[in-house]
Amino acid sequence: MNCLFCRITQGEMKVPFVWEDDEFVAFRDIAPTAPVHVLVVPRRHFDSIAALAEGDAAYAGRFVQAIAAVARAEGLVDPARGFRLVTNTGPEGGQSVPHLHGHVLGGRTLSWPAG
């Protein structure tokens, strides 16, 4: 299997998970752009959010629930705090691994457009 995130989600590559359930895993980004930078990755392979949207709307909803659970576990769901969710799609959108994943960013005030 060539997909990096499939190898991680299936346990072929040992990466410490900060959160997981039967459908999704979450782990820290190796090149964080914020104090909290966690990737939320489906165990099922979808190339991007566009592929998920076309493939399984109920699973997409559970992906968003997993993202919220990770943000909560990281202490970011608080009226005085907050977080940013980024999902890059395709090469021009900055997607470097062709497997759907969401970046949960927080831990400081984030500027726009840069993280």
PDB file of N, CA and C in Angstrom:
ATOM      1  N   MET A   1       0.848  -1.181   0.000  1.00  0.00           N
ATOM      2  CA  MET A   1       0.000   0.000   0.000  1.00  0.00           C
ATOM      3  C   MET A   1       0.891   1.241   0.000  1.00  0.00           C
ATOM      4  N   ASN A   2       0.632   2.162  -0.915  1.00  0.00           N
ATOM      5  CA  ASN A   2       1.463   3.350  -1.053  1.00  0.00           C
ATOM      6  C   ASN A   2       0.984   4.539  -0.238  1.00  0.00           C
ATOM      7  N   CYS A   3      -0.245   4.533   0.227  1.00  0.00           N
ATOM      8  CA  CYS A   3      -0.796   5.692   0.917  1.00  0.00           C
ATOM      9  C   CYS A   3      -0.243   5.772   2.349  1.00  0.00           C
ATOM     10  N   LEU A   4       0.452   6.849   2.636  1.00  0.00           N
ATOM     11  CA  LEU A   4       1.052   7.060   3.954  1.00  0.00           C
ATOM     12  C   LEU A   4       0.004   6.994   5.058  1.00  0.00           C
ATOM     13  N   PHE A   5      -1.112   7.691   4.887  1.00  0.00           N
ATOM     14  CA  PHE A   5      -2.112   7.730   5.955  1.00  0.00           C
ATOM     15  C   PHE A   5      -2.849   6.402   6.098  1.00  0.00           C
ATOM     16  N   CYS A   6      -3.006   5.638   5.021  1.00  0.00           N
ATOM     17  CA  CYS A   6      -3.577   4.295   5.154  1.00  0.00           C
ATOM     18  C   CYS A   6      -2.645   3.420   5.985  1.00  0.00           C
ATOM     19  N   ARG A   7      -1.342   3.521   5.755  1.00  0.00           N
ATOM     20  CA  ARG A   7      -0.386   2.733   6.537  1.00  0.00           C
ATOM     21  C   ARG A   7      -0.434   3.142   8.009  1.00  0.00           C
ATOM     22  N   ILE A   8      -0.604   4.429   8.280  1.00  0.00           N
ATOM     23  CA  ILE A   8      -0.697   4.892   9.670  1.00  0.00           C
ATOM     24  C   ILE A   8      -1.987   4.409  10.311  1.00  0.00           C
ATOM     25  N   THR A   9      -3.123   4.598   9.652  1.00  0.00           N
ATOM     26  CA  THR A   9      -4.408   4.227  10.253  1.00  0.00           C
ATOM     27  C   THR A   9      -4.530   2.725  10.460  1.00  0.00           C
ATOM     28  N   GLN A  10      -3.835   1.938   9.643  1.00  0.00           N
ATOM     29  CA  GLN A  10      -3.909   0.484   9.771  1.00  0.00           C
ATOM     30  C   GLN A  10      -2.810  -0.086  10.671  1.00  0.00           C
ATOM     31  N   GLY A  11      -1.997   0.790  11.262  1.00  0.00           N
ATOM     32  CA  GLY A  11      -0.989   0.339  12.207  1.00  0.00           C
ATOM     33  C   GLY A  11       0.305  -0.162  11.593  1.00  0.00           C
ATOM     34  N   GLU A  12       0.461  -0.041  10.276  1.00  0.00           N
ATOM     35  CA  GLU A  12       1.709  -0.457   9.636  1.00  0.00           C
ATOM     36  C   GLU A  12       2.856   0.479   9.977  1.00  0.00           C
ATOM     37  N   MET A  13       2.538   1.740  10.210  1.00  0.00           N
ATOM     38  CA  MET A  13       3.514   2.734  10.672  1.00  0.00           C
ATOM     39  C   MET A  13       3.079   3.148  12.064  1.00  0.00           C
ATOM     40  N   LYS A  14       3.953   3.040  13.015  1.00  0.00           N
ATOM     41  CA  LYS A  14       3.613   3.346  14.404  1.00  0.00           C
ATOM     42  C   LYS A  14       3.707   4.852  14.645  1.00  0.00           C
ATOM     43  N   VAL A  15       2.570   5.446  14.863  1.00  0.00           N
ATOM     44  CA  VAL A  15       2.443   6.872  15.177  1.00  0.00           C
ATOM     45  C   VAL A  15       1.556   6.960  16.414  1.00  0.00           C
ATOM     46  N   PRO A  16       1.967   7.707  17.439  1.00  0.00           N
ATOM     47  CA  PRO A  16       1.099   7.808  18.619  1.00  0.00           C
ATOM     48  C   PRO A  16      -0.162   8.613  18.315  1.00  0.00           C
ATOM     49  N   PHE A  17      -1.311   8.011  18.581  1.00  0.00           N
ATOM     50  CA  PHE A  17      -2.584   8.676  18.376  1.00  0.00           C
ATOM     51  C   PHE A  17      -2.937   9.478  19.626  1.00  0.00           C
ATOM     52  N   VAL A  18      -3.445  10.700  19.420  1.00  0.00           N
ATOM     53  CA  VAL A  18      -3.935  11.506  20.544  1.00  0.00           C
ATOM     54  C   VAL A  18      -5.422  11.275  20.758  1.00  0.00           C
ATOM     55  N   TRP A  19      -6.066  10.662  19.768  1.00  0.00           N
ATOM     56  CA  TRP A  19      -7.499  10.344  19.837  1.00  0.00           C
ATOM     57  C   TRP A  19      -7.780   9.322  18.745  1.00  0.00           C
ATOM     58  N   GLU A  20      -8.721   8.414  18.987  1.00  0.00           N
ATOM     59  CA  GLU A  20      -9.139   7.486  17.940  1.00  0.00           C
ATOM     60  C   GLU A  20     -10.473   6.864  18.292  1.00  0.00           C
ATOM     61  N   ASP A  21     -11.156   6.397  17.255  1.00  0.00           N
ATOM     62  CA  ASP A  21     -12.332   5.558  17.416  1.00  0.00           C
ATOM     63  C   ASP A  21     -12.296   4.537  16.292  1.00  0.00           C
ATOM     64  N   ASP A  22     -13.382   3.865  16.037  1.00  0.00           N
ATOM     65  CA  ASP A  22     -13.389   2.819  15.018  1.00  0.00           C
ATOM     66  C   ASP A  22     -13.223   3.354  13.595  1.00  0.00           C
ATOM     67  N   GLU A  23     -13.549   4.633  13.388  1.00  0.00           N
ATOM     68  CA  GLU A  23     -13.543   5.184  12.034  1.00  0.00           C
ATOM     69  C   GLU A  23     -12.444   6.202  11.751  1.00  0.00           C
ATOM     70  N   PHE A  24     -11.887   6.816  12.798  1.00  0.00           N
ATOM     71  CA  PHE A  24     -10.944   7.921  12.605  1.00  0.00           C
ATOM     72  C   PHE A  24      -9.801   7.826  13.611  1.00  0.00           C
ATOM     73  N   VAL A  25      -8.661   8.397  13.231  1.00  0.00           N
ATOM     74  CA  VAL A  25      -7.538   8.537  14.155  1.00  0.00           C
ATOM     75  C   VAL A  25      -7.075   9.990  14.117  1.00  0.00           C
ATOM     76  N   ALA A  26      -6.390  10.394  15.174  1.00  0.00           N
ATOM     77  CA  ALA A  26      -5.834  11.749  15.232  1.00  0.00           C
ATOM     78  C   ALA A  26      -4.434  11.664  15.806  1.00  0.00           C
ATOM     79  N   PHE A  27      -3.519  12.416  15.193  1.00  0.00           N
ATOM     80  CA  PHE A  27      -2.132  12.439  15.650  1.00  0.00           C
ATOM     81  C   PHE A  27      -1.533  13.802  15.355  1.00  0.00           C
ATOM     82  N   ARG A  28      -0.459  14.125  16.042  1.00  0.00           N
ATOM     83  CA  ARG A  28       0.182  15.434  15.901  1.00  0.00           C
ATOM     84  C   ARG A  28       0.907  15.540  14.555  1.00  0.00           C
ATOM     85  N   ASP A  29       0.822  16.714  13.949  1.00  0.00           N
ATOM     86  CA  ASP A  29       1.508  16.990  12.691  1.00  0.00           C
ATOM     87  C   ASP A  29       3.011  17.010  12.938  1.00  0.00           C
ATOM     88  N   ILE A  30       3.796  16.471  12.005  1.00  0.00           N
ATOM     89  CA  ILE A  30       5.250  16.439  12.189  1.00  0.00           C
ATOM     90  C   ILE A  30       5.891  17.805  11.959  1.00  0.00           C
ATOM     91  N   ALA A  31       5.160  18.722  11.336  1.00  0.00           N
ATOM     92  CA  ALA A  31       5.665  20.084  11.103  1.00  0.00           C
ATOM     93  C   ALA A  31       4.579  21.071  11.549  1.00  0.00           C
ATOM     94  N   PRO A  32       4.347  21.196  12.853  1.00  0.00           N
ATOM     95  CA  PRO A  32       3.223  22.013  13.332  1.00  0.00           C
ATOM     96  C   PRO A  32       3.380  23.490  12.985  1.00  0.00           C
ATOM     97  N   THR A  33       2.243  24.120  12.670  1.00  0.00           N
ATOM     98  CA  THR A  33       2.217  25.554  12.388  1.00  0.00           C
ATOM     99  C   THR A  33       1.493  26.326  13.488  1.00  0.00           C
ATOM    100  N   ALA A  34       1.110  25.632  14.550  1.00  0.00           N
ATOM    101  CA  ALA A  34       0.460  26.247  15.715  1.00  0.00           C
ATOM    102  C   ALA A  34       0.801  25.375  16.923  1.00  0.00           C
ATOM    103  N   PRO A  35       0.654  25.903  18.142  1.00  0.00           N
ATOM    104  CA  PRO A  35       0.945  25.090  19.322  1.00  0.00           C
ATOM    105  C   PRO A  35       0.167  23.769  19.358  1.00  0.00           C
ATOM    106  N   VAL A  36      -1.083  23.794  18.917  1.00  0.00           N
ATOM    107  CA  VAL A  36      -1.851  22.571  18.721  1.00  0.00           C
ATOM    108  C   VAL A  36      -2.038  22.411  17.214  1.00  0.00           C
ATOM    109  N   HIS A  37      -1.537  21.305  16.684  1.00  0.00           N
ATOM    110  CA  HIS A  37      -1.691  21.003  15.258  1.00  0.00           C
ATOM    111  C   HIS A  37      -1.857  19.492  15.149  1.00  0.00           C
ATOM    112  N   VAL A  38      -3.111  19.075  15.082  1.00  0.00           N
ATOM    113  CA  VAL A  38      -3.456  17.658  15.064  1.00  0.00           C
ATOM    114  C   VAL A  38      -4.133  17.330  13.741  1.00  0.00           C
ATOM    115  N   LEU A  39      -3.764  16.208  13.151  1.00  0.00           N
ATOM    116  CA  LEU A  39      -4.408  15.719  11.936  1.00  0.00           C
ATOM    117  C   LEU A  39      -5.475  14.710  12.317  1.00  0.00           C
ATOM    118  N   VAL A  40      -6.658  14.861  11.756  1.00  0.00           N
ATOM    119  CA  VAL A  40      -7.745  13.899  11.938  1.00  0.00           C
ATOM    120  C   VAL A  40      -7.901  13.184  10.601  1.00  0.00           C
ATOM    121  N   VAL A  41      -7.754  11.854  10.637  1.00  0.00           N
ATOM    122  CA  VAL A  41      -7.661  11.067   9.410  1.00  0.00           C
ATOM    123  C   VAL A  41      -8.663   9.909   9.443  1.00  0.00           C
ATOM    124  N   PRO A  42      -9.492   9.783   8.420  1.00  0.00           N
ATOM    125  CA  PRO A  42     -10.379   8.633   8.339  1.00  0.00           C
ATOM    126  C   PRO A  42      -9.593   7.338   8.136  1.00  0.00           C
ATOM    127  N   ARG A  43     -10.070   6.267   8.744  1.00  0.00           N
ATOM    128  CA  ARG A  43      -9.466   4.958   8.499  1.00  0.00           C
ATOM    129  C   ARG A  43      -9.797   4.471   7.086  1.00  0.00           C
ATOM    130  N   ARG A  44     -10.957   4.882   6.553  1.00  0.00           N
ATOM    131  CA  ARG A  44     -11.305   4.587   5.165  1.00  0.00           C
ATOM    132  C   ARG A  44     -10.573   5.565   4.266  1.00  0.00           C
ATOM    133  N   HIS A  45     -10.164   5.100   3.111  1.00  0.00           N
ATOM    134  CA  HIS A  45      -9.450   5.977   2.183  1.00  0.00           C
ATOM    135  C   HIS A  45     -10.429   6.758   1.312  1.00  0.00           C
ATOM    136  N   PHE A  46     -10.302   8.072   1.382  1.00  0.00           N
ATOM    137  CA  PHE A  46     -10.919   9.006   0.441  1.00  0.00           C
ATOM    138  C   PHE A  46      -9.785   9.915   0.011  1.00  0.00           C
ATOM    139  N   ASP A  47      -9.682  10.206  -1.271  1.00  0.00           N
ATOM    140  CA  ASP A  47      -8.585  11.060  -1.741  1.00  0.00           C
ATOM    141  C   ASP A  47      -8.644  12.462  -1.153  1.00  0.00           C
ATOM    142  N   SER A  48      -9.858  12.982  -0.945  1.00  0.00           N
ATOM    143  CA  SER A  48     -10.006  14.364  -0.490  1.00  0.00           C
ATOM    144  C   SER A  48     -11.414  14.566   0.057  1.00  0.00           C
ATOM    145  N   ILE A  49     -11.672  15.757   0.563  1.00  0.00           N
ATOM    146  CA  ILE A  49     -13.005  16.102   1.049  1.00  0.00           C
ATOM    147  C   ILE A  49     -14.018  16.057  -0.105  1.00  0.00           C
ATOM    148  N   ALA A  50     -13.571  16.371  -1.321  1.00  0.00           N
ATOM    149  CA  ALA A  50     -14.466  16.310  -2.483  1.00  0.00           C
ATOM    150  C   ALA A  50     -14.916  14.876  -2.731  1.00  0.00           C
ATOM    151  N   ALA A  51     -14.013  13.924  -2.604  1.00  0.00           N
ATOM    152  CA  ALA A  51     -14.361  12.510  -2.795  1.00  0.00           C
ATOM    153  C   ALA A  51     -15.304  12.039  -1.694  1.00  0.00           C
ATOM    154  N   LEU A  52     -15.086  12.487  -0.465  1.00  0.00           N
ATOM    155  CA  LEU A  52     -15.967  12.111   0.640  1.00  0.00           C
ATOM    156  C   LEU A  52     -17.363  12.677   0.423  1.00  0.00           C
ATOM    157  N   ALA A  53     -17.447  13.927   0.030  1.00  0.00           N
ATOM    158  CA  ALA A  53     -18.743  14.575  -0.171  1.00  0.00           C
ATOM    159  C   ALA A  53     -19.565  13.833  -1.216  1.00  0.00           C
ATOM    160  N   GLU A  54     -18.903  13.292  -2.225  1.00  0.00           N
ATOM    161  CA  GLU A  54     -19.605  12.553  -3.276  1.00  0.00           C
ATOM    162  C   GLU A  54     -19.904  11.116  -2.851  1.00  0.00           C
ATOM    163  N   GLY A  55     -19.140  10.610  -1.864  1.00  0.00           N
ATOM    164  CA  GLY A  55     -19.212   9.195  -1.548  1.00  0.00           C
ATOM    165  C   GLY A  55     -20.077   8.799  -0.374  1.00  0.00           C
ATOM    166  N   ASP A  56     -20.140   9.599   0.681  1.00  0.00           N
ATOM    167  CA  ASP A  56     -20.824   9.134   1.883  1.00  0.00           C
ATOM    168  C   ASP A  56     -21.112  10.309   2.816  1.00  0.00           C
ATOM    169  N   ALA A  57     -22.301  10.871   2.707  1.00  0.00           N
ATOM    170  CA  ALA A  57     -22.671  12.047   3.493  1.00  0.00           C
ATOM    171  C   ALA A  57     -22.715  11.739   4.988  1.00  0.00           C
ATOM    172  N   ALA A  58     -23.197  10.570   5.379  1.00  0.00           N
ATOM    173  CA  ALA A  58     -23.268  10.223   6.807  1.00  0.00           C
ATOM    174  C   ALA A  58     -21.865  10.104   7.393  1.00  0.00           C
ATOM    175  N   TYR A  59     -20.951   9.523   6.645  1.00  0.00           N
ATOM    176  CA  TYR A  59     -19.559   9.409   7.101  1.00  0.00           C
ATOM    177  C   TYR A  59     -18.943  10.806   7.226  1.00  0.00           C
ATOM    178  N   ALA A  60     -19.281  11.702   6.305  1.00  0.00           N
ATOM    179  CA  ALA A  60     -18.789  13.078   6.367  1.00  0.00           C
ATOM    180  C   ALA A  60     -19.224  13.744   7.668  1.00  0.00           C
ATOM    181  N   GLY A  61     -20.462  13.510   8.076  1.00  0.00           N
ATOM    182  CA  GLY A  61     -20.940  14.056   9.346  1.00  0.00           C
ATOM    183  C   GLY A  61     -20.166  13.495  10.525  1.00  0.00           C
ATOM    184  N   ARG A  62     -19.850  12.208  10.485  1.00  0.00           N
ATOM    185  CA  ARG A  62     -19.069  11.607  11.568  1.00  0.00           C
ATOM    186  C   ARG A  62     -17.633  12.128  11.566  1.00  0.00           C
ATOM    187  N   PHE A  63     -17.111  12.480  10.391  1.00  0.00           N
ATOM    188  CA  PHE A  63     -15.780  13.096  10.302  1.00  0.00           C
ATOM    189  C   PHE A  63     -15.778  14.433  11.044  1.00  0.00           C
ATOM    190  N   VAL A  64     -16.805  15.231  10.835  1.00  0.00           N
ATOM    191  CA  VAL A  64     -16.916  16.514  11.534  1.00  0.00           C
ATOM    192  C   VAL A  64     -17.061  16.283  13.048  1.00  0.00           C
ATOM    193  N   GLN A  65     -17.819  15.280  13.440  1.00  0.00           N
ATOM    194  CA  GLN A  65     -17.945  14.960  14.866  1.00  0.00           C
ATOM    195  C   GLN A  65     -16.599  14.543  15.458  1.00  0.00           C
ATOM    196  N   ALA A  66     -15.815  13.794  14.713  1.00  0.00           N
ATOM    197  CA  ALA A  66     -14.490  13.389  15.181  1.00  0.00           C
ATOM    198  C   ALA A  66     -13.587  14.606  15.346  1.00  0.00           C
ATOM    199  N   ILE A  67     -13.658  15.534  14.412  1.00  0.00           N
ATOM    200  CA  ILE A  67     -12.863  16.760  14.503  1.00  0.00           C
ATOM    201  C   ILE A  67     -13.236  17.536  15.768  1.00  0.00           C
ATOM    202  N   ALA A  68     -14.529  17.660  16.033  1.00  0.00           N
ATOM    203  CA  ALA A  68     -14.977  18.355  17.243  1.00  0.00           C
ATOM    204  C   ALA A  68     -14.501  17.634  18.500  1.00  0.00           C
ATOM    205  N   ALA A  69     -14.521  16.310  18.482  1.00  0.00           N
ATOM    206  CA  ALA A  69     -14.054  15.538  19.645  1.00  0.00           C
ATOM    207  C   ALA A  69     -12.567  15.764  19.886  1.00  0.00           C
ATOM    208  N   VAL A  70     -11.791  15.828  18.821  1.00  0.00           N
ATOM    209  CA  VAL A  70     -10.351  16.088  18.953  1.00  0.00           C
ATOM    210  C   VAL A  70     -10.125  17.497  19.503  1.00  0.00           C
ATOM    211  N   ALA A  71     -10.826  18.475  18.965  1.00  0.00           N
ATOM    212  CA  ALA A  71     -10.688  19.856  19.459  1.00  0.00           C
ATOM    213  C   ALA A  71     -11.058  19.933  20.938  1.00  0.00           C
ATOM    214  N   ARG A  72     -12.104  19.225  21.325  1.00  0.00           N
ATOM    215  CA  ARG A  72     -12.516  19.190  22.736  1.00  0.00           C
ATOM    216  C   ARG A  72     -11.420  18.532  23.593  1.00  0.00           C
ATOM    217  N   ALA A  73     -10.880  17.407  23.127  1.00  0.00           N
ATOM    218  CA  ALA A  73      -9.826  16.695  23.863  1.00  0.00           C
ATOM    219  C   ALA A  73      -8.567  17.541  24.005  1.00  0.00           C
ATOM    220  N   GLU A  74      -8.332  18.431  23.044  1.00  0.00           N
ATOM    221  CA  GLU A  74      -7.158  19.308  23.084  1.00  0.00           C
ATOM    222  C   GLU A  74      -7.423  20.601  23.853  1.00  0.00           C
ATOM    223  N   GLY A  75      -8.615  20.742  24.417  1.00  0.00           N
ATOM    224  CA  GLY A  75      -8.953  21.922  25.213  1.00  0.00           C
ATOM    225  C   GLY A  75      -9.262  23.159  24.409  1.00  0.00           C
ATOM    226  N   LEU A  76      -9.647  22.984  23.145  1.00  0.00           N
ATOM    227  CA  LEU A  76      -9.870  24.135  22.265  1.00  0.00           C
ATOM    228  C   LEU A  76     -11.332  24.555  22.169  1.00  0.00           C
ATOM    229  N   VAL A  77     -12.254  23.724  22.660  1.00  0.00           N
ATOM    230  CA  VAL A  77     -13.677  24.059  22.604  1.00  0.00           C
ATOM    231  C   VAL A  77     -14.038  24.751  23.909  1.00  0.00           C
ATOM    232  N   ASP A  78     -13.890  26.049  23.888  1.00  0.00           N
ATOM    233  CA  ASP A  78     -14.086  26.889  25.068  1.00  0.00           C
ATOM    234  C   ASP A  78     -14.381  28.280  24.518  1.00  0.00           C
ATOM    235  N   PRO A  79     -15.335  29.001  25.112  1.00  0.00           N
ATOM    236  CA  PRO A  79     -15.664  30.332  24.578  1.00  0.00           C
ATOM    237  C   PRO A  79     -14.465  31.284  24.498  1.00  0.00           C
ATOM    238  N   ALA A  80     -13.473  31.101  25.364  1.00  0.00           N
ATOM    239  CA  ALA A  80     -12.311  31.988  25.362  1.00  0.00           C
ATOM    240  C   ALA A  80     -11.216  31.490  24.423  1.00  0.00           C
ATOM    241  N   ARG A  81     -11.394  30.332  23.845  1.00  0.00           N
ATOM    242  CA  ARG A  81     -10.358  29.759  22.983  1.00  0.00           C
ATOM    243  C   ARG A  81     -10.900  29.630  21.571  1.00  0.00           C
ATOM    244  N   GLY A  82     -10.739  28.498  20.971  1.00  0.00           N
ATOM    245  CA  GLY A  82     -11.227  28.249  19.622  1.00  0.00           C
ATOM    246  C   GLY A  82     -10.190  27.490  18.821  1.00  0.00           C
ATOM    247  N   PHE A  83     -10.555  27.168  17.581  1.00  0.00           N
ATOM    248  CA  PHE A  83      -9.636  26.440  16.719  1.00  0.00           C
ATOM    249  C   PHE A  83      -9.992  26.711  15.267  1.00  0.00           C
ATOM    250  N   ARG A  84      -9.070  26.353  14.414  1.00  0.00           N
ATOM    251  CA  ARG A  84      -9.285  26.439  12.968  1.00  0.00           C
ATOM    252  C   ARG A  84      -9.236  25.026  12.411  1.00  0.00           C
ATOM    253  N   LEU A  85     -10.123  24.748  11.469  1.00  0.00           N
ATOM    254  CA  LEU A  85     -10.101  23.490  10.732  1.00  0.00           C
ATOM    255  C   LEU A  85      -9.691  23.797   9.307  1.00  0.00           C
ATOM    256  N   VAL A  86      -8.670  23.097   8.821  1.00  0.00           N
ATOM    257  CA  VAL A  86      -8.216  23.251   7.442  1.00  0.00           C
ATOM    258  C   VAL A  86      -8.237  21.877   6.781  1.00  0.00           C
ATOM    259  N   THR A  87      -8.850  21.808   5.624  1.00  0.00           N
ATOM    260  CA  THR A  87      -8.830  20.592   4.821  1.00  0.00           C
ATOM    261  C   THR A  87      -8.395  20.982   3.422  1.00  0.00           C
ATOM    262  N   ASN A  88      -7.148  20.693   3.099  1.00  0.00           N
ATOM    263  CA  ASN A  88      -6.605  21.023   1.785  1.00  0.00           C
ATOM    264  C   ASN A  88      -7.069  19.986   0.771  1.00  0.00           C
ATOM    265  N   THR A  89      -7.336  20.445  -0.458  1.00  0.00           N
ATOM    266  CA  THR A  89      -7.816  19.545  -1.506  1.00  0.00           C
ATOM    267  C   THR A  89      -7.024  19.790  -2.777  1.00  0.00           C
ATOM    268  N   GLY A  90      -6.338  18.758  -3.228  1.00  0.00           N
ATOM    269  CA  GLY A  90      -5.591  18.814  -4.482  1.00  0.00           C
ATOM    270  C   GLY A  90      -4.292  19.601  -4.364  1.00  0.00           C
ATOM    271  N   PRO A  91      -3.448  19.472  -5.378  1.00  0.00           N
ATOM    272  CA  PRO A  91      -2.136  20.130  -5.356  1.00  0.00           C
ATOM    273  C   PRO A  91      -2.210  21.652  -5.228  1.00  0.00           C
ATOM    274  N   GLU A  92      -3.135  22.291  -5.940  1.00  0.00           N
ATOM    275  CA  GLU A  92      -3.240  23.744  -5.856  1.00  0.00           C
ATOM    276  C   GLU A  92      -3.828  24.197  -4.529  1.00  0.00           C
ATOM    277  N   GLY A  93      -4.539  23.305  -3.843  1.00  0.00           N
ATOM    278  CA  GLY A  93      -5.089  23.603  -2.527  1.00  0.00           C
ATOM    279  C   GLY A  93      -4.121  23.299  -1.403  1.00  0.00           C
ATOM    280  N   GLY A  94      -2.933  22.800  -1.755  1.00  0.00           N
ATOM    281  CA  GLY A  94      -1.910  22.531  -0.751  1.00  0.00           C
ATOM    282  C   GLY A  94      -1.949  21.137  -0.147  1.00  0.00           C
ATOM    283  N   GLN A  95      -2.720  20.219  -0.739  1.00  0.00           N
ATOM    284  CA  GLN A  95      -2.799  18.860  -0.207  1.00  0.00           C
ATOM    285  C   GLN A  95      -1.535  18.098  -0.588  1.00  0.00           C
ATOM    286  N   SER A  96      -0.778  17.656   0.420  1.00  0.00           N
ATOM    287  CA  SER A  96       0.479  16.952   0.145  1.00  0.00           C
ATOM    288  C   SER A  96       0.346  15.434   0.273  1.00  0.00           C
ATOM    289  N   VAL A  97      -0.660  14.957   0.997  1.00  0.00           N
ATOM    290  CA  VAL A  97      -0.921  13.517   1.112  1.00  0.00           C
ATOM    291  C   VAL A  97      -2.317  13.277   0.536  1.00  0.00           C
ATOM    292  N   PRO A  98      -2.434  12.475  -0.519  1.00  0.00           N
ATOM    293  CA  PRO A  98      -3.736  12.277  -1.157  1.00  0.00           C
ATOM    294  C   PRO A  98      -4.628  11.296  -0.385  1.00  0.00           C
ATOM    295  N   HIS A  99      -4.906  11.654   0.848  1.00  0.00           N
ATOM    296  CA  HIS A  99      -5.839  10.929   1.716  1.00  0.00           C
ATOM    297  C   HIS A  99      -6.499  12.014   2.554  1.00  0.00           C
ATOM    298  N   LEU A 100      -7.824  12.032   2.570  1.00  0.00           N
ATOM    299  CA  LEU A 100      -8.558  13.045   3.317  1.00  0.00           C
ATOM    300  C   LEU A 100      -8.015  13.175   4.733  1.00  0.00           C
ATOM    301  N   HIS A 101      -7.810  14.403   5.171  1.00  0.00           N
ATOM    302  CA  HIS A 101      -7.439  14.681   6.556  1.00  0.00           C
ATOM    303  C   HIS A 101      -7.763  16.130   6.878  1.00  0.00           C
ATOM    304  N   GLY A 102      -8.078  16.356   8.145  1.00  0.00           N
ATOM    305  CA  GLY A 102      -8.353  17.706   8.611  1.00  0.00           C
ATOM    306  C   GLY A 102      -7.268  18.129   9.576  1.00  0.00           C
ATOM    307  N   HIS A 103      -6.803  19.364   9.431  1.00  0.00           N
ATOM    308  CA  HIS A 103      -5.828  19.946  10.352  1.00  0.00           C
ATOM    309  C   HIS A 103      -6.599  20.727  11.411  1.00  0.00           C
ATOM    310  N   VAL A 104      -6.480  20.343  12.664  1.00  0.00           N
ATOM    311  CA  VAL A 104      -7.062  21.088  13.777  1.00  0.00           C
ATOM    312  C   VAL A 104      -5.943  21.949  14.345  1.00  0.00           C
ATOM    313  N   LEU A 105      -6.102  23.264  14.227  1.00  0.00           N
ATOM    314  CA  LEU A 105      -5.067  24.220  14.634  1.00  0.00           C
ATOM    315  C   LEU A 105      -5.587  25.100  15.761  1.00  0.00           C
ATOM    316  N   GLY A 106      -4.760  25.315  16.771  1.00  0.00           N
ATOM    317  CA  GLY A 106      -5.165  26.185  17.871  1.00  0.00           C
ATOM    318  C   GLY A 106      -4.035  26.400  18.850  1.00  0.00           C
ATOM    319  N   GLY A 107      -4.387  26.937  19.997  1.00  0.00           N
ATOM    320  CA  GLY A 107      -3.401  27.183  21.035  1.00  0.00           C
ATOM    321  C   GLY A 107      -2.831  28.591  21.045  1.00  0.00           C
ATOM    322  N   ARG A 108      -3.256  29.404  20.084  1.00  0.00           N
ATOM    323  CA  ARG A 108      -2.876  30.822  20.019  1.00  0.00           C
ATOM    324  C   ARG A 108      -3.852  31.500  19.082  1.00  0.00           C
ATOM    325  N   THR A 109      -3.827  32.833  19.078  1.00  0.00           N
ATOM    326  CA  THR A 109      -4.651  33.572  18.120  1.00  0.00           C
ATOM    327  C   THR A 109      -4.068  33.356  16.735  1.00  0.00           C
ATOM    328  N   LEU A 110      -4.894  32.895  15.817  1.00  0.00           N
ATOM    329  CA  LEU A 110      -4.445  32.594  14.468  1.00  0.00           C
ATOM    330  C   LEU A 110      -4.772  33.749  13.532  1.00  0.00           C
ATOM    331  N   SER A 111      -3.828  34.085  12.678  1.00  0.00           N
ATOM    332  CA  SER A 111      -4.058  35.149  11.704  1.00  0.00           C
ATOM    333  C   SER A 111      -4.630  34.542  10.427  1.00  0.00           C
ATOM    334  N   TRP A 112      -5.103  35.407   9.566  1.00  0.00           N
ATOM    335  CA  TRP A 112      -5.634  34.965   8.280  1.00  0.00           C
ATOM    336  C   TRP A 112      -5.003  35.779   7.181  1.00  0.00           C
ATOM    337  N   PRO A 113      -4.547  35.207   6.082  1.00  0.00           N
ATOM    338  CA  PRO A 113      -4.758  33.829   5.659  1.00  0.00           C
ATOM    339  C   PRO A 113      -3.713  32.848   6.181  1.00  0.00           C
ATOM    340  N   ALA A 114      -2.573  33.304   6.633  1.00  0.00           N
ATOM    341  CA  ALA A 114      -1.546  32.363   7.110  1.00  0.00           C
ATOM    342  C   ALA A 114      -1.875  31.896   8.507  1.00  0.00           C
ATOM    343  N   GLY A 115      -1.417  30.657   8.825  1.00  0.00           N
ATOM    344  CA  GLY A 115      -1.704  30.013  10.096  1.00  0.00           C
ATOM    345  C   GLY A 115      -0.998  30.636  11.239  1.00  0.00           C
TER     346      GLY A 115
END
